[in-house]
Amino acid sequence: MTSLQPLPFPSHLSPAEEEALAALYRRGTPENTLRAWERDLAYITAWKDAAYGAALDWPEQEAVALRFVLDHAADLTDGAPLPAAMQLSLHRSLNQAQQYYADVDITKNPATDLLG
C-alpha cells in the first residue's frame, strides 16, 4: 500500500483556481445576498475612510476591526436606556452612511431621508 504524501502548502491560488472559486461563489450566492454584502462592504469602506482616512486592507488589522465593533456598540455602562443607546448608534451609522453617499455619484442621498 502506498502512503499518501501531504500536498505542499501553496503560497497562492493559481488564476484558474481563483476563477473556479469566483464562479462557485457567484453560482452559490443569491443575488439579494450579494447586494447586501456589497452595501455592507461600501459602508465599512466609508467608515474606515471617515475614521482613519485610509482604504480597507485585506486582511484588515485586528485593531481596526475591534474599533469598528466599538464604534457600533451601544455603551450601556453610562446608564442610558437601551432605546436611547440604540438611537444614538443608529444616528452615528446614518451619519457615516450619509458621508459615504455624499461622495458617490447619485442623484439622491438615501441616508439624508433617514436622518430627517
N, C-alpha and C. Protein backbone atom coordinates (compact mmCIF):
# COMPACT_ATOMS: atom_id res chain seq x y z
N MET A 1 0.84 -1.18 0.00
CA MET A 1 0.00 0.00 0.00
C MET A 1 0.89 1.24 0.00
N THR A 2 0.50 2.21 -0.81
CA THR A 2 1.26 3.44 -0.92
C THR A 2 0.76 4.44 0.11
N SER A 3 1.69 5.08 0.77
CA SER A 3 1.26 6.09 1.74
C SER A 3 1.07 7.43 1.02
N LEU A 4 0.03 8.14 1.43
CA LEU A 4 -0.26 9.42 0.82
C LEU A 4 0.67 10.48 1.37
N GLN A 5 1.18 11.27 0.47
CA GLN A 5 2.05 12.38 0.86
C GLN A 5 1.20 13.65 0.93
N PRO A 6 1.41 14.46 1.94
CA PRO A 6 0.63 15.70 2.01
C PRO A 6 0.99 16.63 0.86
N LEU A 7 0.01 17.39 0.43
CA LEU A 7 0.26 18.39 -0.60
C LEU A 7 1.12 19.50 -0.03
N PRO A 8 1.97 20.10 -0.84
CA PRO A 8 2.73 21.25 -0.33
C PRO A 8 1.78 22.41 -0.08
N PHE A 9 2.05 23.17 0.93
CA PHE A 9 1.19 24.32 1.26
C PHE A 9 1.42 25.39 0.21
N PRO A 10 0.38 25.77 -0.52
CA PRO A 10 0.58 26.76 -1.60
C PRO A 10 0.74 28.17 -1.05
N SER A 11 1.54 28.95 -1.72
CA SER A 11 1.67 30.35 -1.31
C SER A 11 0.55 31.20 -1.89
N HIS A 12 -0.11 30.68 -2.92
CA HIS A 12 -1.23 31.40 -3.53
C HIS A 12 -2.02 30.44 -4.42
N LEU A 13 -3.19 30.86 -4.80
CA LEU A 13 -4.00 30.08 -5.74
C LEU A 13 -3.60 30.43 -7.16
N SER A 14 -3.73 29.47 -8.04
CA SER A 14 -3.46 29.75 -9.46
C SER A 14 -4.62 30.58 -10.01
N PRO A 15 -4.42 31.27 -11.12
CA PRO A 15 -5.52 32.02 -11.72
C PRO A 15 -6.73 31.14 -12.03
N ALA A 16 -6.50 29.91 -12.47
CA ALA A 16 -7.62 29.01 -12.76
C ALA A 16 -8.38 28.65 -11.48
N GLU A 17 -7.65 28.46 -10.38
CA GLU A 17 -8.31 28.15 -9.10
C GLU A 17 -9.10 29.36 -8.59
N GLU A 18 -8.54 30.55 -8.74
CA GLU A 18 -9.26 31.76 -8.33
C GLU A 18 -10.54 31.93 -9.14
N GLU A 19 -10.47 31.69 -10.45
CA GLU A 19 -11.66 31.81 -11.30
C GLU A 19 -12.70 30.75 -10.94
N ALA A 20 -12.26 29.54 -10.64
CA ALA A 20 -13.20 28.48 -10.25
C ALA A 20 -13.91 28.84 -8.94
N LEU A 21 -13.18 29.40 -7.99
CA LEU A 21 -13.79 29.82 -6.73
C LEU A 21 -14.75 30.99 -6.94
N ALA A 22 -14.38 31.93 -7.80
CA ALA A 22 -15.26 33.06 -8.08
C ALA A 22 -16.55 32.57 -8.74
N ALA A 23 -16.45 31.64 -9.67
CA ALA A 23 -17.63 31.10 -10.33
C ALA A 23 -18.52 30.36 -9.33
N LEU A 24 -17.91 29.58 -8.46
CA LEU A 24 -18.66 28.86 -7.42
C LEU A 24 -19.38 29.85 -6.51
N TYR A 25 -18.69 30.90 -6.14
CA TYR A 25 -19.26 31.94 -5.28
C TYR A 25 -20.47 32.59 -5.97
N ARG A 26 -20.31 32.96 -7.25
CA ARG A 26 -21.42 33.60 -7.97
C ARG A 26 -22.61 32.66 -8.12
N ARG A 27 -22.36 31.40 -8.42
CA ARG A 27 -23.47 30.45 -8.60
C ARG A 27 -24.16 30.11 -7.29
N GLY A 28 -23.40 30.10 -6.20
CA GLY A 28 -23.96 29.64 -4.94
C GLY A 28 -24.48 30.71 -4.01
N THR A 29 -24.42 31.97 -4.44
CA THR A 29 -24.84 33.06 -3.57
C THR A 29 -26.01 33.79 -4.21
N PRO A 30 -27.15 33.88 -3.52
CA PRO A 30 -28.31 34.58 -4.07
C PRO A 30 -27.99 36.06 -4.36
N GLU A 31 -28.65 36.60 -5.37
CA GLU A 31 -28.43 37.99 -5.77
C GLU A 31 -28.66 38.97 -4.63
N ASN A 32 -29.73 38.76 -3.86
CA ASN A 32 -30.01 39.71 -2.77
C ASN A 32 -28.91 39.68 -1.71
N THR A 33 -28.31 38.51 -1.49
CA THR A 33 -27.20 38.40 -0.54
C THR A 33 -25.98 39.14 -1.07
N LEU A 34 -25.69 38.98 -2.36
CA LEU A 34 -24.57 39.70 -2.96
C LEU A 34 -24.76 41.21 -2.83
N ARG A 35 -25.98 41.68 -3.09
CA ARG A 35 -26.25 43.12 -2.97
C ARG A 35 -26.07 43.59 -1.52
N ALA A 36 -26.54 42.80 -0.58
CA ALA A 36 -26.39 43.17 0.84
C ALA A 36 -24.92 43.23 1.22
N TRP A 37 -24.15 42.26 0.77
CA TRP A 37 -22.71 42.26 1.08
C TRP A 37 -22.01 43.44 0.43
N GLU A 38 -22.42 43.80 -0.78
CA GLU A 38 -21.83 44.96 -1.44
C GLU A 38 -22.12 46.23 -0.65
N ARG A 39 -23.36 46.37 -0.16
CA ARG A 39 -23.71 47.54 0.65
C ARG A 39 -22.92 47.54 1.96
N ASP A 40 -22.80 46.37 2.58
CA ASP A 40 -22.02 46.28 3.83
C ASP A 40 -20.57 46.67 3.59
N LEU A 41 -20.00 46.18 2.50
CA LEU A 41 -18.61 46.49 2.20
C LEU A 41 -18.44 47.98 1.92
N ALA A 42 -19.40 48.57 1.20
CA ALA A 42 -19.34 50.01 0.94
C ALA A 42 -19.42 50.79 2.25
N TYR A 43 -20.28 50.35 3.16
CA TYR A 43 -20.42 51.03 4.45
C TYR A 43 -19.13 50.93 5.26
N ILE A 44 -18.57 49.73 5.34
CA ILE A 44 -17.35 49.53 6.12
C ILE A 44 -16.20 50.33 5.51
N THR A 45 -16.15 50.38 4.18
CA THR A 45 -15.13 51.17 3.50
C THR A 45 -15.27 52.65 3.86
N ALA A 46 -16.51 53.15 3.84
CA ALA A 46 -16.75 54.56 4.19
C ALA A 46 -16.41 54.81 5.66
N TRP A 47 -16.74 53.86 6.53
CA TRP A 47 -16.43 54.02 7.95
C TRP A 47 -14.92 54.13 8.14
N LYS A 48 -14.15 53.24 7.51
CA LYS A 48 -12.70 53.27 7.72
C LYS A 48 -12.12 54.56 7.17
N ASP A 49 -12.63 55.01 6.03
CA ASP A 49 -12.14 56.27 5.47
C ASP A 49 -12.44 57.43 6.41
N ALA A 50 -13.66 57.44 6.98
CA ALA A 50 -14.03 58.51 7.91
C ALA A 50 -13.23 58.42 9.21
N ALA A 51 -13.01 57.21 9.70
CA ALA A 51 -12.32 57.03 10.98
C ALA A 51 -10.81 57.20 10.88
N TYR A 52 -10.23 56.72 9.77
CA TYR A 52 -8.76 56.68 9.66
C TYR A 52 -8.22 57.42 8.44
N GLY A 53 -9.09 57.83 7.53
CA GLY A 53 -8.61 58.46 6.31
C GLY A 53 -7.82 57.49 5.45
N ALA A 54 -8.23 56.22 5.48
CA ALA A 54 -7.49 55.18 4.75
C ALA A 54 -8.46 54.17 4.15
N ALA A 55 -7.98 53.49 3.12
CA ALA A 55 -8.77 52.44 2.48
C ALA A 55 -8.68 51.16 3.30
N LEU A 56 -9.62 50.24 3.03
CA LEU A 56 -9.58 48.93 3.68
C LEU A 56 -8.35 48.15 3.24
N ASP A 57 -7.81 47.38 4.15
CA ASP A 57 -6.76 46.42 3.84
C ASP A 57 -7.39 45.04 3.88
N TRP A 58 -6.78 44.09 3.23
CA TRP A 58 -7.26 42.72 3.32
C TRP A 58 -6.09 41.79 3.45
N PRO A 59 -6.01 41.07 4.55
CA PRO A 59 -6.94 41.12 5.68
C PRO A 59 -6.73 42.41 6.47
N GLU A 60 -7.80 42.85 7.11
CA GLU A 60 -7.75 44.08 7.90
C GLU A 60 -7.06 43.80 9.22
N GLN A 61 -6.46 44.83 9.78
CA GLN A 61 -5.82 44.69 11.09
C GLN A 61 -6.87 44.43 12.17
N GLU A 62 -6.51 43.60 13.12
CA GLU A 62 -7.43 43.26 14.21
C GLU A 62 -7.88 44.51 14.96
N ALA A 63 -6.97 45.44 15.21
CA ALA A 63 -7.32 46.64 15.97
C ALA A 63 -8.38 47.47 15.23
N VAL A 64 -8.31 47.51 13.90
CA VAL A 64 -9.30 48.26 13.12
C VAL A 64 -10.66 47.58 13.23
N ALA A 65 -10.68 46.25 13.14
CA ALA A 65 -11.94 45.51 13.26
C ALA A 65 -12.55 45.73 14.64
N LEU A 66 -11.74 45.70 15.68
CA LEU A 66 -12.25 45.92 17.03
C LEU A 66 -12.75 47.35 17.21
N ARG A 67 -12.09 48.31 16.60
CA ARG A 67 -12.55 49.70 16.66
C ARG A 67 -13.92 49.83 15.99
N PHE A 68 -14.12 49.11 14.87
CA PHE A 68 -15.42 49.11 14.19
C PHE A 68 -16.50 48.61 15.14
N VAL A 69 -16.21 47.52 15.84
CA VAL A 69 -17.17 46.96 16.80
C VAL A 69 -17.46 47.99 17.89
N LEU A 70 -16.43 48.60 18.44
CA LEU A 70 -16.62 49.59 19.49
C LEU A 70 -17.42 50.79 19.01
N ASP A 71 -17.15 51.24 17.79
CA ASP A 71 -17.88 52.39 17.25
C ASP A 71 -19.35 52.10 17.02
N HIS A 72 -19.70 50.83 16.90
CA HIS A 72 -21.08 50.46 16.60
C HIS A 72 -21.78 49.75 17.75
N ALA A 73 -21.13 49.66 18.88
CA ALA A 73 -21.73 49.02 20.04
C ALA A 73 -22.37 50.08 20.93
N ALA A 74 -23.53 49.78 21.44
CA ALA A 74 -24.18 50.68 22.38
C ALA A 74 -23.51 50.52 23.74
N ASP A 75 -23.08 51.64 24.32
CA ASP A 75 -22.44 51.60 25.63
C ASP A 75 -23.53 51.72 26.69
N LEU A 76 -23.84 50.62 27.33
CA LEU A 76 -24.90 50.61 28.33
C LEU A 76 -24.37 50.89 29.74
N THR A 77 -23.05 51.09 29.89
CA THR A 77 -22.49 51.30 31.22
C THR A 77 -22.78 52.70 31.75
N ASP A 78 -23.15 53.65 30.88
CA ASP A 78 -23.40 55.00 31.36
C ASP A 78 -24.84 55.19 31.82
N GLY A 79 -25.60 54.11 31.86
CA GLY A 79 -26.96 54.18 32.35
C GLY A 79 -27.98 54.60 31.31
N ALA A 80 -27.55 54.78 30.06
CA ALA A 80 -28.52 55.16 29.02
C ALA A 80 -29.46 54.00 28.79
N PRO A 81 -30.76 54.29 28.71
CA PRO A 81 -31.69 53.21 28.41
C PRO A 81 -31.42 52.64 27.02
N LEU A 82 -31.73 51.38 26.86
CA LEU A 82 -31.43 50.70 25.61
C LEU A 82 -31.98 51.44 24.39
N PRO A 83 -33.25 51.88 24.36
CA PRO A 83 -33.72 52.58 23.16
C PRO A 83 -32.89 53.82 22.82
N ALA A 84 -32.48 54.57 23.84
CA ALA A 84 -31.67 55.77 23.58
C ALA A 84 -30.30 55.38 23.04
N ALA A 85 -29.70 54.35 23.59
CA ALA A 85 -28.39 53.89 23.12
C ALA A 85 -28.49 53.38 21.69
N MET A 86 -29.58 52.67 21.38
CA MET A 86 -29.77 52.17 20.02
C MET A 86 -29.97 53.34 19.05
N GLN A 87 -30.72 54.35 19.46
CA GLN A 87 -30.95 55.51 18.61
C GLN A 87 -29.64 56.24 18.34
N LEU A 88 -28.81 56.38 19.36
CA LEU A 88 -27.51 57.03 19.19
C LEU A 88 -26.64 56.25 18.21
N SER A 89 -26.62 54.93 18.35
CA SER A 89 -25.84 54.09 17.44
C SER A 89 -26.37 54.19 16.02
N LEU A 90 -27.69 54.19 15.85
CA LEU A 90 -28.29 54.32 14.52
C LEU A 90 -27.94 55.67 13.91
N HIS A 91 -28.03 56.73 14.71
CA HIS A 91 -27.72 58.07 14.20
C HIS A 91 -26.26 58.13 13.74
N ARG A 92 -25.35 57.54 14.52
CA ARG A 92 -23.93 57.52 14.16
C ARG A 92 -23.73 56.76 12.84
N SER A 93 -24.40 55.63 12.70
CA SER A 93 -24.29 54.83 11.48
C SER A 93 -24.84 55.59 10.28
N LEU A 94 -25.98 56.25 10.46
CA LEU A 94 -26.57 57.01 9.36
C LEU A 94 -25.70 58.19 8.96
N ASN A 95 -25.08 58.84 9.93
CA ASN A 95 -24.16 59.94 9.61
C ASN A 95 -23.00 59.43 8.76
N GLN A 96 -22.47 58.27 9.12
CA GLN A 96 -21.37 57.71 8.35
C GLN A 96 -21.84 57.31 6.95
N ALA A 97 -23.03 56.76 6.85
CA ALA A 97 -23.58 56.40 5.54
C ALA A 97 -23.81 57.65 4.71
N GLN A 98 -24.29 58.72 5.33
CA GLN A 98 -24.53 59.97 4.61
C GLN A 98 -23.21 60.50 4.04
N GLN A 99 -22.14 60.41 4.81
CA GLN A 99 -20.83 60.84 4.32
C GLN A 99 -20.41 60.00 3.12
N TYR A 100 -20.65 58.70 3.19
CA TYR A 100 -20.30 57.83 2.07
C TYR A 100 -21.08 58.23 0.82
N TYR A 101 -22.41 58.33 0.95
CA TYR A 101 -23.24 58.63 -0.21
C TYR A 101 -22.99 60.03 -0.76
N ALA A 102 -22.49 60.93 0.05
CA ALA A 102 -22.17 62.27 -0.45
C ALA A 102 -21.06 62.21 -1.48
N ASP A 103 -20.19 61.19 -1.39
CA ASP A 103 -19.08 61.05 -2.32
C ASP A 103 -19.40 60.16 -3.51
N VAL A 104 -20.60 59.59 -3.55
CA VAL A 104 -20.99 58.68 -4.62
C VAL A 104 -21.83 59.46 -5.64
N ASP A 105 -21.66 59.15 -6.90
CA ASP A 105 -22.38 59.84 -7.96
C ASP A 105 -23.81 59.32 -8.06
N ILE A 106 -24.69 59.86 -7.20
CA ILE A 106 -26.11 59.51 -7.23
C ILE A 106 -26.90 60.80 -7.12
N THR A 107 -28.14 60.78 -7.58
CA THR A 107 -28.95 61.99 -7.55
C THR A 107 -29.57 62.25 -6.18
N LYS A 108 -29.78 61.22 -5.39
CA LYS A 108 -30.42 61.40 -4.08
C LYS A 108 -29.67 60.57 -3.05
N ASN A 109 -29.39 61.17 -1.90
CA ASN A 109 -28.68 60.52 -0.81
C ASN A 109 -29.70 59.81 0.07
N PRO A 110 -29.77 58.46 0.05
CA PRO A 110 -30.78 57.76 0.85
C PRO A 110 -30.62 57.96 2.35
N ALA A 111 -29.43 58.23 2.83
CA ALA A 111 -29.22 58.40 4.27
C ALA A 111 -29.82 59.71 4.75
N THR A 112 -29.88 60.73 3.90
CA THR A 112 -30.42 62.02 4.31
C THR A 112 -31.87 61.91 4.73
N ASP A 113 -32.66 61.14 3.97
CA ASP A 113 -34.07 60.96 4.32
C ASP A 113 -34.22 60.30 5.67
N LEU A 114 -33.35 59.39 6.00
CA LEU A 114 -33.47 58.66 7.27
C LEU A 114 -33.06 59.53 8.45
N LEU A 115 -32.15 60.45 8.24
CA LEU A 115 -31.71 61.33 9.32
C LEU A 115 -32.77 62.37 9.67
N GLY A 116 -33.59 62.72 8.69
CA GLY A 116 -34.70 63.65 8.94
C GLY A 116 -34.30 65.02 9.13
